[in-house]
Amino acid sequence: MTAPGPDRRPAASELPLYTAEEAATLLRCKASWLKEQARLRRIPFTMVAGAYRFTRAHLIQIVESNEHRIAGSESELALPPERVITKSQDAIAPLTAHPPRRPRRPT
C-alpha cells in the first residue's frame, strides 16, 4: 500500500469508517444528532448497508462547517447592529390581543 500523493485519492479500503456512535464519541456529541443531520443532508456521510458511516475527512468537514469565527475587532462584538426602520415597517399594524376562546373558570 503506497501513501496517497497529491494526485492520488486514497482507496476506500484505506479509509477507516466510523459508525455514528464512534464519530459521536470523537466529536463529543450525540449519535442521534449526527444521524439526524445526515438524514437532513446537512453533514457529509457515507451510507453503507443502510447505516451512516463517517470518514476522517467527513469529521473534519463537520467540525469546520460548524465553526464560528470571531469578528474583526472587539468593538464590533460589543455593539449590536443598528436597526434601521423603513417606511414599510411603519405601515405594519401593532398587535392586538384577542378575547380568550373560553371564559375562565372561577377559582
N, C-alpha and C. Protein backbone atom coordinates (compact mmCIF):
# COMPACT_ATOMS: atom_id res chain seq x y z
N MET A 1 0.85 -1.17 0.00
CA MET A 1 0.00 0.00 0.00
C MET A 1 0.90 1.24 0.00
N THR A 2 0.69 2.13 -0.93
CA THR A 2 1.50 3.34 -1.02
C THR A 2 0.77 4.50 -0.38
N ALA A 3 1.56 5.47 0.04
CA ALA A 3 0.97 6.66 0.65
C ALA A 3 0.30 7.49 -0.43
N PRO A 4 -0.83 8.10 -0.13
CA PRO A 4 -1.51 8.91 -1.14
C PRO A 4 -0.69 10.15 -1.47
N GLY A 5 -0.51 10.38 -2.74
CA GLY A 5 0.20 11.56 -3.20
C GLY A 5 -0.78 12.65 -3.52
N PRO A 6 -0.28 13.79 -4.03
CA PRO A 6 -1.19 14.90 -4.33
C PRO A 6 -2.16 14.58 -5.46
N ASP A 7 -1.79 13.63 -6.36
CA ASP A 7 -2.65 13.30 -7.49
C ASP A 7 -3.48 12.05 -7.25
N ARG A 8 -3.32 11.42 -6.10
CA ARG A 8 -3.98 10.14 -5.84
C ARG A 8 -4.86 10.24 -4.60
N ARG A 9 -6.11 9.88 -4.76
CA ARG A 9 -7.01 9.81 -3.61
C ARG A 9 -6.86 8.45 -2.96
N PRO A 10 -6.94 8.37 -1.65
CA PRO A 10 -6.83 7.06 -1.00
C PRO A 10 -8.02 6.17 -1.37
N ALA A 11 -7.76 4.90 -1.50
CA ALA A 11 -8.82 3.94 -1.81
C ALA A 11 -9.75 3.81 -0.61
N ALA A 12 -10.96 3.37 -0.89
CA ALA A 12 -11.94 3.23 0.19
C ALA A 12 -11.45 2.27 1.26
N SER A 13 -10.67 1.26 0.86
CA SER A 13 -10.17 0.30 1.85
C SER A 13 -9.13 0.92 2.77
N GLU A 14 -8.52 2.03 2.36
CA GLU A 14 -7.52 2.70 3.18
C GLU A 14 -8.15 3.64 4.21
N LEU A 15 -9.41 3.95 4.03
CA LEU A 15 -10.07 4.90 4.92
C LEU A 15 -10.83 4.16 6.01
N PRO A 16 -10.57 4.47 7.27
CA PRO A 16 -11.40 3.86 8.31
C PRO A 16 -12.78 4.51 8.32
N LEU A 17 -13.80 3.71 8.45
CA LEU A 17 -15.16 4.22 8.54
C LEU A 17 -15.62 4.12 9.98
N TYR A 18 -16.17 5.22 10.48
CA TYR A 18 -16.66 5.28 11.85
C TYR A 18 -18.17 5.17 11.85
N THR A 19 -18.72 4.43 12.80
CA THR A 19 -20.17 4.41 12.97
C THR A 19 -20.60 5.74 13.56
N ALA A 20 -21.90 5.98 13.60
CA ALA A 20 -22.40 7.23 14.19
C ALA A 20 -22.01 7.32 15.66
N GLU A 21 -22.02 6.20 16.36
CA GLU A 21 -21.65 6.19 17.78
C GLU A 21 -20.17 6.51 17.96
N GLU A 22 -19.31 5.91 17.12
CA GLU A 22 -17.87 6.18 17.20
C GLU A 22 -17.56 7.63 16.84
N ALA A 23 -18.21 8.13 15.78
CA ALA A 23 -18.00 9.51 15.36
C ALA A 23 -18.50 10.48 16.44
N ALA A 24 -19.62 10.15 17.06
CA ALA A 24 -20.16 11.00 18.12
C ALA A 24 -19.21 11.06 19.30
N THR A 25 -18.56 9.95 19.62
CA THR A 25 -17.58 9.95 20.70
C THR A 25 -16.41 10.87 20.36
N LEU A 26 -15.94 10.79 19.12
CA LEU A 26 -14.82 11.65 18.70
C LEU A 26 -15.21 13.12 18.69
N LEU A 27 -16.43 13.42 18.25
CA LEU A 27 -16.90 14.81 18.15
C LEU A 27 -17.51 15.31 19.45
N ARG A 28 -17.69 14.42 20.41
CA ARG A 28 -18.31 14.76 21.70
C ARG A 28 -19.71 15.33 21.52
N CYS A 29 -20.50 14.61 20.75
CA CYS A 29 -21.89 14.97 20.55
C CYS A 29 -22.71 13.69 20.61
N LYS A 30 -24.00 13.80 20.42
CA LYS A 30 -24.86 12.63 20.47
C LYS A 30 -24.93 11.97 19.09
N ALA A 31 -24.98 10.66 19.08
CA ALA A 31 -25.10 9.92 17.83
C ALA A 31 -26.42 10.27 17.14
N SER A 32 -27.46 10.53 17.92
CA SER A 32 -28.75 10.89 17.33
C SER A 32 -28.66 12.20 16.57
N TRP A 33 -27.83 13.15 17.05
CA TRP A 33 -27.65 14.42 16.34
C TRP A 33 -26.98 14.17 15.00
N LEU A 34 -25.94 13.33 15.00
CA LEU A 34 -25.24 13.02 13.74
C LEU A 34 -26.19 12.36 12.75
N LYS A 35 -26.97 11.41 13.21
CA LYS A 35 -27.90 10.71 12.32
C LYS A 35 -28.95 11.65 11.77
N GLU A 36 -29.47 12.53 12.61
CA GLU A 36 -30.49 13.49 12.16
C GLU A 36 -29.91 14.46 11.14
N GLN A 37 -28.71 14.98 11.39
CA GLN A 37 -28.08 15.90 10.46
C GLN A 37 -27.76 15.21 9.14
N ALA A 38 -27.34 13.96 9.20
CA ALA A 38 -27.07 13.20 7.98
C ALA A 38 -28.37 12.94 7.22
N ARG A 39 -29.42 12.60 7.94
CA ARG A 39 -30.72 12.37 7.30
C ARG A 39 -31.21 13.61 6.57
N LEU A 40 -30.96 14.78 7.16
CA LEU A 40 -31.37 16.04 6.55
C LEU A 40 -30.36 16.55 5.52
N ARG A 41 -29.29 15.77 5.30
CA ARG A 41 -28.23 16.11 4.33
C ARG A 41 -27.51 17.41 4.69
N ARG A 42 -27.33 17.66 5.98
CA ARG A 42 -26.63 18.86 6.44
C ARG A 42 -25.15 18.60 6.69
N ILE A 43 -24.77 17.34 6.83
CA ILE A 43 -23.37 16.98 7.06
C ILE A 43 -22.99 15.86 6.09
N PRO A 44 -21.70 15.75 5.76
CA PRO A 44 -21.27 14.69 4.85
C PRO A 44 -21.28 13.33 5.55
N PHE A 45 -21.58 12.29 4.79
CA PHE A 45 -21.60 10.93 5.34
C PHE A 45 -21.52 9.94 4.19
N THR A 46 -21.35 8.69 4.54
CA THR A 46 -21.40 7.59 3.59
C THR A 46 -22.43 6.60 4.11
N MET A 47 -23.23 6.07 3.20
CA MET A 47 -24.24 5.09 3.60
C MET A 47 -23.71 3.71 3.21
N VAL A 48 -23.49 2.87 4.20
CA VAL A 48 -23.01 1.51 3.97
C VAL A 48 -24.00 0.55 4.61
N ALA A 49 -24.56 -0.32 3.80
CA ALA A 49 -25.52 -1.32 4.27
C ALA A 49 -26.66 -0.69 5.06
N GLY A 50 -27.11 0.47 4.61
CA GLY A 50 -28.23 1.14 5.25
C GLY A 50 -27.90 1.85 6.54
N ALA A 51 -26.61 1.99 6.85
CA ALA A 51 -26.20 2.67 8.09
C ALA A 51 -25.27 3.82 7.75
N TYR A 52 -25.34 4.88 8.54
CA TYR A 52 -24.48 6.03 8.33
C TYR A 52 -23.06 5.69 8.77
N ARG A 53 -22.09 6.06 7.94
CA ARG A 53 -20.67 5.89 8.26
C ARG A 53 -19.98 7.20 7.95
N PHE A 54 -18.92 7.49 8.70
CA PHE A 54 -18.20 8.75 8.57
C PHE A 54 -16.71 8.47 8.45
N THR A 55 -16.04 9.18 7.52
CA THR A 55 -14.59 9.09 7.38
C THR A 55 -13.96 10.22 8.18
N ARG A 56 -12.65 10.19 8.29
CA ARG A 56 -11.95 11.28 8.97
C ARG A 56 -12.21 12.60 8.25
N ALA A 57 -12.21 12.56 6.92
CA ALA A 57 -12.48 13.77 6.14
C ALA A 57 -13.88 14.30 6.44
N HIS A 58 -14.84 13.42 6.58
CA HIS A 58 -16.20 13.84 6.93
C HIS A 58 -16.21 14.54 8.29
N LEU A 59 -15.52 13.96 9.27
CA LEU A 59 -15.50 14.54 10.62
C LEU A 59 -14.85 15.92 10.60
N ILE A 60 -13.77 16.06 9.82
CA ILE A 60 -13.11 17.37 9.71
C ILE A 60 -14.06 18.38 9.07
N GLN A 61 -14.78 17.97 8.02
CA GLN A 61 -15.73 18.88 7.37
C GLN A 61 -16.87 19.27 8.32
N ILE A 62 -17.32 18.34 9.14
CA ILE A 62 -18.39 18.63 10.09
C ILE A 62 -17.92 19.68 11.09
N VAL A 63 -16.71 19.52 11.60
CA VAL A 63 -16.17 20.49 12.57
C VAL A 63 -16.00 21.84 11.90
N GLU A 64 -15.43 21.88 10.71
CA GLU A 64 -15.19 23.15 10.02
C GLU A 64 -16.49 23.85 9.64
N SER A 65 -17.50 23.10 9.24
CA SER A 65 -18.76 23.73 8.83
C SER A 65 -19.54 24.28 10.03
N ASN A 66 -19.26 23.78 11.23
CA ASN A 66 -19.94 24.27 12.42
C ASN A 66 -19.10 25.23 13.24
N GLU A 67 -17.96 25.63 12.70
CA GLU A 67 -17.07 26.54 13.42
C GLU A 67 -17.59 27.98 13.31
N HIS A 68 -17.55 28.69 14.41
CA HIS A 68 -17.94 30.10 14.44
C HIS A 68 -16.70 30.92 14.71
N ARG A 69 -16.40 31.82 13.82
CA ARG A 69 -15.20 32.64 13.97
C ARG A 69 -15.55 33.98 14.57
N ILE A 70 -14.58 34.56 15.25
CA ILE A 70 -14.75 35.85 15.89
C ILE A 70 -14.66 36.94 14.83
N ALA A 71 -15.49 37.98 14.97
CA ALA A 71 -15.47 39.11 14.04
C ALA A 71 -14.17 39.88 14.20
N GLY A 72 -13.94 40.85 13.32
CA GLY A 72 -12.70 41.60 13.25
C GLY A 72 -12.21 42.21 14.54
N SER A 73 -12.98 43.06 15.18
CA SER A 73 -12.50 43.75 16.38
C SER A 73 -13.47 43.55 17.54
N GLU A 74 -12.99 43.87 18.74
CA GLU A 74 -13.82 43.71 19.93
C GLU A 74 -14.99 44.69 19.93
N SER A 75 -14.80 45.88 19.36
CA SER A 75 -15.89 46.86 19.34
C SER A 75 -17.05 46.36 18.50
N GLU A 76 -16.76 45.60 17.45
CA GLU A 76 -17.83 45.04 16.63
C GLU A 76 -18.63 44.01 17.42
N LEU A 77 -17.95 43.30 18.32
CA LEU A 77 -18.62 42.27 19.11
C LEU A 77 -19.49 42.89 20.20
N ALA A 78 -19.06 44.01 20.77
CA ALA A 78 -19.74 44.60 21.91
C ALA A 78 -21.04 45.29 21.52
N LEU A 79 -21.11 45.89 20.35
CA LEU A 79 -22.28 46.66 19.96
C LEU A 79 -23.19 45.85 19.05
N PRO A 80 -24.47 45.81 19.36
CA PRO A 80 -25.40 45.13 18.45
C PRO A 80 -25.58 45.97 17.19
N PRO A 81 -25.95 45.36 16.09
CA PRO A 81 -26.16 46.13 14.86
C PRO A 81 -27.32 47.10 15.03
N GLU A 82 -27.20 48.25 14.40
CA GLU A 82 -28.26 49.26 14.49
C GLU A 82 -29.45 48.82 13.66
N ARG A 83 -30.64 49.12 14.16
CA ARG A 83 -31.85 48.77 13.45
C ARG A 83 -32.32 49.98 12.66
N VAL A 84 -32.52 49.77 11.39
CA VAL A 84 -32.99 50.84 10.52
C VAL A 84 -34.46 50.58 10.22
N ILE A 85 -35.31 51.56 10.54
CA ILE A 85 -36.74 51.42 10.30
C ILE A 85 -37.06 52.03 8.95
N THR A 86 -37.69 51.24 8.11
CA THR A 86 -38.07 51.72 6.79
C THR A 86 -39.55 52.09 6.79
N LYS A 87 -40.00 52.71 5.73
CA LYS A 87 -41.39 53.13 5.63
C LYS A 87 -42.34 51.93 5.66
N SER A 88 -41.93 50.82 5.07
CA SER A 88 -42.81 49.65 5.06
C SER A 88 -43.01 49.10 6.47
N GLN A 89 -42.02 49.25 7.34
CA GLN A 89 -42.17 48.78 8.71
C GLN A 89 -43.09 49.70 9.51
N ASP A 90 -43.14 50.99 9.16
CA ASP A 90 -44.03 51.92 9.85
C ASP A 90 -45.50 51.61 9.55
N ALA A 91 -45.79 51.03 8.40
CA ALA A 91 -47.16 50.77 7.99
C ALA A 91 -47.73 49.50 8.62
N ILE A 92 -46.91 48.73 9.30
CA ILE A 92 -47.38 47.49 9.92
C ILE A 92 -48.22 47.83 11.15
N ALA A 93 -49.40 47.22 11.23
CA ALA A 93 -50.30 47.48 12.35
C ALA A 93 -49.76 46.82 13.61
N PRO A 94 -49.93 47.47 14.76
CA PRO A 94 -49.47 46.85 16.01
C PRO A 94 -50.33 45.64 16.35
N LEU A 95 -49.78 44.76 17.14
CA LEU A 95 -50.51 43.56 17.56
C LEU A 95 -51.59 43.93 18.57
N THR A 96 -52.71 43.25 18.47
CA THR A 96 -53.79 43.48 19.44
C THR A 96 -54.19 42.13 20.03
N ALA A 97 -54.59 42.15 21.29
CA ALA A 97 -54.98 40.93 21.97
C ALA A 97 -56.40 40.55 21.60
N HIS A 98 -56.64 39.26 21.45
CA HIS A 98 -57.98 38.76 21.18
C HIS A 98 -58.58 38.26 22.49
N PRO A 99 -59.91 38.27 22.60
CA PRO A 99 -60.52 37.73 23.82
C PRO A 99 -60.25 36.21 23.89
N PRO A 100 -60.22 35.65 25.10
CA PRO A 100 -59.97 34.22 25.22
C PRO A 100 -61.09 33.40 24.57
N ARG A 101 -60.76 32.21 24.10
CA ARG A 101 -61.74 31.36 23.43
C ARG A 101 -62.80 30.86 24.41
N ARG A 102 -62.37 30.50 25.59
CA ARG A 102 -63.30 30.03 26.61
C ARG A 102 -63.21 30.95 27.81
N PRO A 103 -64.33 31.21 28.44
CA PRO A 103 -64.24 32.04 29.66
C PRO A 103 -63.49 31.28 30.74
N ARG A 104 -62.79 32.00 31.55
CA ARG A 104 -62.05 31.40 32.66
C ARG A 104 -63.00 30.89 33.72
N ARG A 105 -62.62 29.79 34.32
CA ARG A 105 -63.42 29.23 35.40
C ARG A 105 -63.12 29.99 36.69
N PRO A 106 -64.13 30.24 37.48
CA PRO A 106 -63.86 30.90 38.76
C PRO A 106 -63.09 29.95 39.68
N THR A 107 -62.15 30.49 40.41
CA THR A 107 -61.35 29.66 41.32
C THR A 107 -61.82 29.74 42.74
